[in-house]
Amino acid sequence: MSSSFFKKRLSPIKPGDPIDYKDVDLLKKFITERGKILPRRLTGLTAKQQRDLTNAVKRARIVALLPFVNPEG
């Protein structure tokens, strides 16, 4: 197999940076145009960061900062 097959993926968020539900601009980078949360293999996040991201998106949806579903997408 070629070495380019196994690329080391750099996390777009630094390990120490918090993922806050009020940071809507950051959360929108990890959501599809339909409003779904992107999987970890596409985001490049660590497992803990992906869990934190999921919780932040769900909180943002509950307090109406993000839509649950985007019908226009």
PDB file of N, CA and C in Angstrom:
ATOM      1  N   MET A   1       0.838  -1.188   0.000  1.00  0.00           N
ATOM      2  CA  MET A   1       0.000   0.000   0.000  1.00  0.00           C
ATOM      3  C   MET A   1       0.876   1.241   0.000  1.00  0.00           C
ATOM      4  N   SER A   2       0.385   2.264  -0.622  1.00  0.00           N
ATOM      5  CA  SER A   2       1.163   3.495  -0.645  1.00  0.00           C
ATOM      6  C   SER A   2       1.040   4.226   0.682  1.00  0.00           C
ATOM      7  N   SER A   3       2.040   5.021   0.968  1.00  0.00           N
ATOM      8  CA  SER A   3       2.034   5.736   2.244  1.00  0.00           C
ATOM      9  C   SER A   3       1.016   6.870   2.261  1.00  0.00           C
ATOM     10  N   SER A   4       0.558   7.303   1.084  1.00  0.00           N
ATOM     11  CA  SER A   4      -0.427   8.380   1.056  1.00  0.00           C
ATOM     12  C   SER A   4      -1.818   7.888   1.462  1.00  0.00           C
ATOM     13  N   PHE A   5      -1.997   6.561   1.494  1.00  0.00           N
ATOM     14  CA  PHE A   5      -3.290   6.015   1.891  1.00  0.00           C
ATOM     15  C   PHE A   5      -3.578   6.315   3.354  1.00  0.00           C
ATOM     16  N   PHE A   6      -2.548   6.203   4.198  1.00  0.00           N
ATOM     17  CA  PHE A   6      -2.709   6.461   5.618  1.00  0.00           C
ATOM     18  C   PHE A   6      -2.148   7.831   5.949  1.00  0.00           C
ATOM     19  N   LYS A   7      -2.913   8.849   5.688  1.00  0.00           N
ATOM     20  CA  LYS A   7      -2.461  10.202   6.005  1.00  0.00           C
ATOM     21  C   LYS A   7      -2.775  10.515   7.451  1.00  0.00           C
ATOM     22  N   LYS A   8      -1.843  11.154   8.115  1.00  0.00           N
ATOM     23  CA  LYS A   8      -2.114  11.593   9.476  1.00  0.00           C
ATOM     24  C   LYS A   8      -2.992  12.830   9.380  1.00  0.00           C
ATOM     25  N   ARG A   9      -4.140  12.748   9.980  1.00  0.00           N
ATOM     26  CA  ARG A   9      -5.106  13.831   9.912  1.00  0.00           C
ATOM     27  C   ARG A   9      -4.881  14.769  11.084  1.00  0.00           C
ATOM     28  N   LEU A  10      -4.730  16.031  10.803  1.00  0.00           N
ATOM     29  CA  LEU A  10      -4.575  17.020  11.863  1.00  0.00           C
ATOM     30  C   LEU A  10      -5.950  17.496  12.305  1.00  0.00           C
ATOM     31  N   SER A  11      -6.112  17.602  13.590  1.00  0.00           N
ATOM     32  CA  SER A  11      -7.385  18.042  14.134  1.00  0.00           C
ATOM     33  C   SER A  11      -7.577  19.533  13.854  1.00  0.00           C
ATOM     34  N   PRO A  12      -8.734  19.936  13.341  1.00  0.00           N
ATOM     35  CA  PRO A  12      -8.982  21.349  13.070  1.00  0.00           C
ATOM     36  C   PRO A  12      -9.115  22.194  14.336  1.00  0.00           C
ATOM     37  N   ILE A  13      -9.349  21.542  15.462  1.00  0.00           N
ATOM     38  CA  ILE A  13      -9.440  22.238  16.745  1.00  0.00           C
ATOM     39  C   ILE A  13      -8.285  21.753  17.598  1.00  0.00           C
ATOM     40  N   LYS A  14      -7.571  22.676  18.206  1.00  0.00           N
ATOM     41  CA  LYS A  14      -6.451  22.282  19.058  1.00  0.00           C
ATOM     42  C   LYS A  14      -6.974  21.520  20.271  1.00  0.00           C
ATOM     43  N   PRO A  15      -6.190  20.559  20.773  1.00  0.00           N
ATOM     44  CA  PRO A  15      -6.677  19.708  21.870  1.00  0.00           C
ATOM     45  C   PRO A  15      -7.119  20.467  23.120  1.00  0.00           C
ATOM     46  N   GLY A  16      -6.510  21.596  23.425  1.00  0.00           N
ATOM     47  CA  GLY A  16      -6.884  22.324  24.632  1.00  0.00           C
ATOM     48  C   GLY A  16      -8.049  23.276  24.456  1.00  0.00           C
ATOM     49  N   ASP A  17      -8.428  23.553  23.208  1.00  0.00           N
ATOM     50  CA  ASP A  17      -9.493  24.521  22.950  1.00  0.00           C
ATOM     51  C   ASP A  17     -10.859  23.946  23.327  1.00  0.00           C
ATOM     52  N   PRO A  18     -11.663  24.722  24.062  1.00  0.00           N
ATOM     53  CA  PRO A  18     -13.004  24.233  24.404  1.00  0.00           C
ATOM     54  C   PRO A  18     -13.955  24.365  23.212  1.00  0.00           C
ATOM     55  N   ILE A  19     -14.922  23.484  23.150  1.00  0.00           N
ATOM     56  CA  ILE A  19     -15.971  23.553  22.132  1.00  0.00           C
ATOM     57  C   ILE A  19     -17.216  24.038  22.853  1.00  0.00           C
ATOM     58  N   ASP A  20     -17.622  25.273  22.556  1.00  0.00           N
ATOM     59  CA  ASP A  20     -18.715  25.903  23.278  1.00  0.00           C
ATOM     60  C   ASP A  20     -19.966  25.937  22.408  1.00  0.00           C
ATOM     61  N   TYR A  21     -21.107  25.678  23.003  1.00  0.00           N
ATOM     62  CA  TYR A  21     -22.357  25.667  22.243  1.00  0.00           C
ATOM     63  C   TYR A  21     -22.750  27.059  21.759  1.00  0.00           C
ATOM     64  N   LYS A  22     -22.183  28.104  22.352  1.00  0.00           N
ATOM     65  CA  LYS A  22     -22.518  29.467  21.932  1.00  0.00           C
ATOM     66  C   LYS A  22     -21.698  29.922  20.731  1.00  0.00           C
ATOM     67  N   ASP A  23     -20.660  29.173  20.369  1.00  0.00           N
ATOM     68  CA  ASP A  23     -19.815  29.507  19.222  1.00  0.00           C
ATOM     69  C   ASP A  23     -20.426  28.887  17.962  1.00  0.00           C
ATOM     70  N   VAL A  24     -21.458  29.531  17.445  1.00  0.00           N
ATOM     71  CA  VAL A  24     -22.232  28.988  16.337  1.00  0.00           C
ATOM     72  C   VAL A  24     -21.395  28.902  15.063  1.00  0.00           C
ATOM     73  N   ASP A  25     -20.508  29.856  14.835  1.00  0.00           N
ATOM     74  CA  ASP A  25     -19.682  29.826  13.626  1.00  0.00           C
ATOM     75  C   ASP A  25     -18.802  28.579  13.590  1.00  0.00           C
ATOM     76  N   LEU A  26     -18.239  28.210  14.718  1.00  0.00           N
ATOM     77  CA  LEU A  26     -17.418  27.000  14.791  1.00  0.00           C
ATOM     78  C   LEU A  26     -18.280  25.759  14.576  1.00  0.00           C
ATOM     79  N   LEU A  27     -19.442  25.717  15.191  1.00  0.00           N
ATOM     80  CA  LEU A  27     -20.302  24.540  15.081  1.00  0.00           C
ATOM     81  C   LEU A  27     -20.801  24.336  13.654  1.00  0.00           C
ATOM     82  N   LYS A  28     -21.047  25.416  12.928  1.00  0.00           N
ATOM     83  CA  LYS A  28     -21.547  25.303  11.557  1.00  0.00           C
ATOM     84  C   LYS A  28     -20.534  24.656  10.620  1.00  0.00           C
ATOM     85  N   LYS A  29     -19.255  24.698  10.980  1.00  0.00           N
ATOM     86  CA  LYS A  29     -18.226  24.056  10.155  1.00  0.00           C
ATOM     87  C   LYS A  29     -18.348  22.537  10.187  1.00  0.00           C
ATOM     88  N   PHE A  30     -18.991  22.011  11.213  1.00  0.00           N
ATOM     89  CA  PHE A  30     -19.077  20.569  11.398  1.00  0.00           C
ATOM     90  C   PHE A  30     -20.488  20.038  11.175  1.00  0.00           C
ATOM     91  N   ILE A  31     -21.320  20.821  10.484  1.00  0.00           N
ATOM     92  CA  ILE A  31     -22.705  20.440  10.220  1.00  0.00           C
ATOM     93  C   ILE A  31     -22.951  20.527   8.715  1.00  0.00           C
ATOM     94  N   THR A  32     -23.712  19.580   8.179  1.00  0.00           N
ATOM     95  CA  THR A  32     -24.048  19.620   6.758  1.00  0.00           C
ATOM     96  C   THR A  32     -25.070  20.721   6.502  1.00  0.00           C
ATOM     97  N   GLU A  33     -25.338  20.973   5.226  1.00  0.00           N
ATOM     98  CA  GLU A  33     -26.325  22.003   4.899  1.00  0.00           C
ATOM     99  C   GLU A  33     -27.730  21.580   5.309  1.00  0.00           C
ATOM    100  N   ARG A  34     -27.943  20.286   5.526  1.00  0.00           N
ATOM    101  CA  ARG A  34     -29.232  19.790   6.005  1.00  0.00           C
ATOM    102  C   ARG A  34     -29.343  19.819   7.518  1.00  0.00           C
ATOM    103  N   GLY A  35     -28.237  20.116   8.217  1.00  0.00           N
ATOM    104  CA  GLY A  35     -28.276  20.219   9.667  1.00  0.00           C
ATOM    105  C   GLY A  35     -27.759  18.998  10.399  1.00  0.00           C
ATOM    106  N   LYS A  36     -27.189  18.034   9.677  1.00  0.00           N
ATOM    107  CA  LYS A  36     -26.663  16.823  10.319  1.00  0.00           C
ATOM    108  C   LYS A  36     -25.227  17.056  10.778  1.00  0.00           C
ATOM    109  N   ILE A  37     -24.857  16.403  11.862  1.00  0.00           N
ATOM    110  CA  ILE A  37     -23.493  16.487  12.376  1.00  0.00           C
ATOM    111  C   ILE A  37     -22.608  15.573  11.532  1.00  0.00           C
ATOM    112  N   LEU A  38     -21.487  16.103  11.066  1.00  0.00           N
ATOM    113  CA  LEU A  38     -20.566  15.313  10.253  1.00  0.00           C
ATOM    114  C   LEU A  38     -19.882  14.240  11.096  1.00  0.00           C
ATOM    115  N   PRO A  39     -19.590  13.081  10.504  1.00  0.00           N
ATOM    116  CA  PRO A  39     -18.910  12.024  11.258  1.00  0.00           C
ATOM    117  C   PRO A  39     -17.446  12.359  11.510  1.00  0.00           C
ATOM    118  N   ARG A  40     -16.875  11.659  12.446  1.00  0.00           N
ATOM    119  CA  ARG A  40     -15.501  11.901  12.877  1.00  0.00           C
ATOM    120  C   ARG A  40     -14.495  11.675  11.752  1.00  0.00           C
ATOM    121  N   ARG A  41     -14.760  10.730  10.884  1.00  0.00           N
ATOM    122  CA  ARG A  41     -13.814  10.457   9.800  1.00  0.00           C
ATOM    123  C   ARG A  41     -13.735  11.624   8.813  1.00  0.00           C
ATOM    124  N   LEU A  42     -14.755  12.467   8.766  1.00  0.00           N
ATOM    125  CA  LEU A  42     -14.731  13.641   7.900  1.00  0.00           C
ATOM    126  C   LEU A  42     -14.246  14.894   8.621  1.00  0.00           C
ATOM    127  N   THR A  43     -14.535  14.998   9.913  1.00  0.00           N
ATOM    128  CA  THR A  43     -14.146  16.203  10.649  1.00  0.00           C
ATOM    129  C   THR A  43     -12.689  16.193  11.055  1.00  0.00           C
ATOM    130  N   GLY A  44     -12.127  15.009  11.286  1.00  0.00           N
ATOM    131  CA  GLY A  44     -10.738  14.925  11.720  1.00  0.00           C
ATOM    132  C   GLY A  44     -10.553  15.190  13.199  1.00  0.00           C
ATOM    133  N   LEU A  45     -11.633  15.179  13.956  1.00  0.00           N
ATOM    134  CA  LEU A  45     -11.547  15.425  15.390  1.00  0.00           C
ATOM    135  C   LEU A  45     -11.171  14.151  16.131  1.00  0.00           C
ATOM    136  N   THR A  46     -10.674  14.319  17.343  1.00  0.00           N
ATOM    137  CA  THR A  46     -10.436  13.159  18.195  1.00  0.00           C
ATOM    138  C   THR A  46     -11.784  12.667  18.716  1.00  0.00           C
ATOM    139  N   ALA A  47     -11.793  11.492  19.329  1.00  0.00           N
ATOM    140  CA  ALA A  47     -13.049  10.927  19.828  1.00  0.00           C
ATOM    141  C   ALA A  47     -13.665  11.822  20.897  1.00  0.00           C
ATOM    142  N   LYS A  48     -12.852  12.330  21.804  1.00  0.00           N
ATOM    143  CA  LYS A  48     -13.362  13.208  22.864  1.00  0.00           C
ATOM    144  C   LYS A  48     -13.888  14.513  22.278  1.00  0.00           C
ATOM    145  N   GLN A  49     -13.165  15.074  21.306  1.00  0.00           N
ATOM    146  CA  GLN A  49     -13.619  16.311  20.678  1.00  0.00           C
ATOM    147  C   GLN A  49     -14.931  16.088  19.934  1.00  0.00           C
ATOM    148  N   GLN A  50     -15.083  14.931  19.289  1.00  0.00           N
ATOM    149  CA  GLN A  50     -16.318  14.644  18.565  1.00  0.00           C
ATOM    150  C   GLN A  50     -17.490  14.530  19.533  1.00  0.00           C
ATOM    151  N   ARG A  51     -17.272  13.899  20.685  1.00  0.00           N
ATOM    152  CA  ARG A  51     -18.333  13.818  21.702  1.00  0.00           C
ATOM    153  C   ARG A  51     -18.696  15.206  22.203  1.00  0.00           C
ATOM    154  N   ASP A  52     -17.685  16.039  22.482  1.00  0.00           N
ATOM    155  CA  ASP A  52     -17.944  17.408  22.945  1.00  0.00           C
ATOM    156  C   ASP A  52     -18.675  18.213  21.877  1.00  0.00           C
ATOM    157  N   LEU A  53     -18.277  18.029  20.617  1.00  0.00           N
ATOM    158  CA  LEU A  53     -18.929  18.723  19.510  1.00  0.00           C
ATOM    159  C   LEU A  53     -20.398  18.312  19.415  1.00  0.00           C
ATOM    160  N   THR A  54     -20.661  17.019  19.515  1.00  0.00           N
ATOM    161  CA  THR A  54     -22.039  16.523  19.439  1.00  0.00           C
ATOM    162  C   THR A  54     -22.893  17.112  20.551  1.00  0.00           C
ATOM    163  N   ASN A  55     -22.361  17.124  21.763  1.00  0.00           N
ATOM    164  CA  ASN A  55     -23.103  17.705  22.886  1.00  0.00           C
ATOM    165  C   ASN A  55     -23.324  19.196  22.691  1.00  0.00           C
ATOM    166  N   ALA A  56     -22.324  19.904  22.165  1.00  0.00           N
ATOM    167  CA  ALA A  56     -22.456  21.345  21.943  1.00  0.00           C
ATOM    168  C   ALA A  56     -23.512  21.631  20.877  1.00  0.00           C
ATOM    169  N   VAL A  57     -23.527  20.843  19.804  1.00  0.00           N
ATOM    170  CA  VAL A  57     -24.525  21.041  18.748  1.00  0.00           C
ATOM    171  C   VAL A  57     -25.927  20.774  19.292  1.00  0.00           C
ATOM    172  N   LYS A  58     -26.066  19.722  20.078  1.00  0.00           N
ATOM    173  CA  LYS A  58     -27.381  19.406  20.650  1.00  0.00           C
ATOM    174  C   LYS A  58     -27.853  20.495  21.601  1.00  0.00           C
ATOM    175  N   ARG A  59     -26.939  21.039  22.395  1.00  0.00           N
ATOM    176  CA  ARG A  59     -27.310  22.152  23.288  1.00  0.00           C
ATOM    177  C   ARG A  59     -27.705  23.383  22.483  1.00  0.00           C
ATOM    178  N   ALA A  60     -26.936  23.683  21.433  1.00  0.00           N
ATOM    179  CA  ALA A  60     -27.235  24.851  20.604  1.00  0.00           C
ATOM    180  C   ALA A  60     -28.594  24.698  19.926  1.00  0.00           C
ATOM    181  N   ARG A  61     -28.961  23.492  19.559  1.00  0.00           N
ATOM    182  CA  ARG A  61     -30.274  23.262  18.959  1.00  0.00           C
ATOM    183  C   ARG A  61     -31.384  23.493  19.977  1.00  0.00           C
ATOM    184  N   ILE A  62     -31.165  23.035  21.206  1.00  0.00           N
ATOM    185  CA  ILE A  62     -32.197  23.170  22.237  1.00  0.00           C
ATOM    186  C   ILE A  62     -32.449  24.633  22.578  1.00  0.00           C
ATOM    187  N   VAL A  63     -31.400  25.449  22.634  1.00  0.00           N
ATOM    188  CA  VAL A  63     -31.583  26.868  22.963  1.00  0.00           C
ATOM    189  C   VAL A  63     -31.802  27.715  21.709  1.00  0.00           C
ATOM    190  N   ALA A  64     -32.078  27.065  20.571  1.00  0.00           N
ATOM    191  CA  ALA A  64     -32.461  27.706  19.308  1.00  0.00           C
ATOM    192  C   ALA A  64     -31.360  28.551  18.686  1.00  0.00           C
ATOM    193  N   LEU A  65     -30.098  28.192  18.907  1.00  0.00           N
ATOM    194  CA  LEU A  65     -29.003  28.858  18.205  1.00  0.00           C
ATOM    195  C   LEU A  65     -28.754  28.206  16.847  1.00  0.00           C
ATOM    196  N   LEU A  66     -29.079  26.927  16.744  1.00  0.00           N
ATOM    197  CA  LEU A  66     -28.984  26.178  15.488  1.00  0.00           C
ATOM    198  C   LEU A  66     -30.324  25.507  15.221  1.00  0.00           C
ATOM    199  N   PRO A  67     -30.698  25.371  13.942  1.00  0.00           N
ATOM    200  CA  PRO A  67     -31.947  24.663  13.648  1.00  0.00           C
ATOM    201  C   PRO A  67     -31.761  23.153  13.772  1.00  0.00           C
ATOM    202  N   PHE A  68     -32.836  22.454  14.117  1.00  0.00           N
ATOM    203  CA  PHE A  68     -32.777  20.996  14.158  1.00  0.00           C
ATOM    204  C   PHE A  68     -32.645  20.442  12.744  1.00  0.00           C
ATOM    205  N   VAL A  69     -33.418  21.000  11.813  1.00  0.00           N
ATOM    206  CA  VAL A  69     -33.388  20.581  10.418  1.00  0.00           C
ATOM    207  C   VAL A  69     -33.430  21.835   9.564  1.00  0.00           C
ATOM    208  N   ASN A  70     -32.644  21.837   8.498  1.00  0.00           N
ATOM    209  CA  ASN A  70     -32.654  22.964   7.582  1.00  0.00           C
ATOM    210  C   ASN A  70     -33.346  22.520   6.296  1.00  0.00           C
ATOM    211  N   PRO A  71     -34.624  22.863   6.119  1.00  0.00           N
ATOM    212  CA  PRO A  71     -35.358  22.368   4.952  1.00  0.00           C
ATOM    213  C   PRO A  71     -34.887  22.972   3.628  1.00  0.00           C
ATOM    214  N   GLU A  72     -34.210  24.121   3.642  1.00  0.00           N
ATOM    215  CA  GLU A  72     -33.759  24.748   2.403  1.00  0.00           C
ATOM    216  C   GLU A  72     -32.555  24.036   1.805  1.00  0.00           C
ATOM    217  N   GLY A  73     -31.779  23.309   2.661  1.00  0.00           N
ATOM    218  CA  GLY A  73     -30.535  22.703   2.220  1.00  0.00           C
ATOM    219  C   GLY A  73     -30.766  21.601   1.280  1.00  0.00           C
TER     220      GLY A  73
END
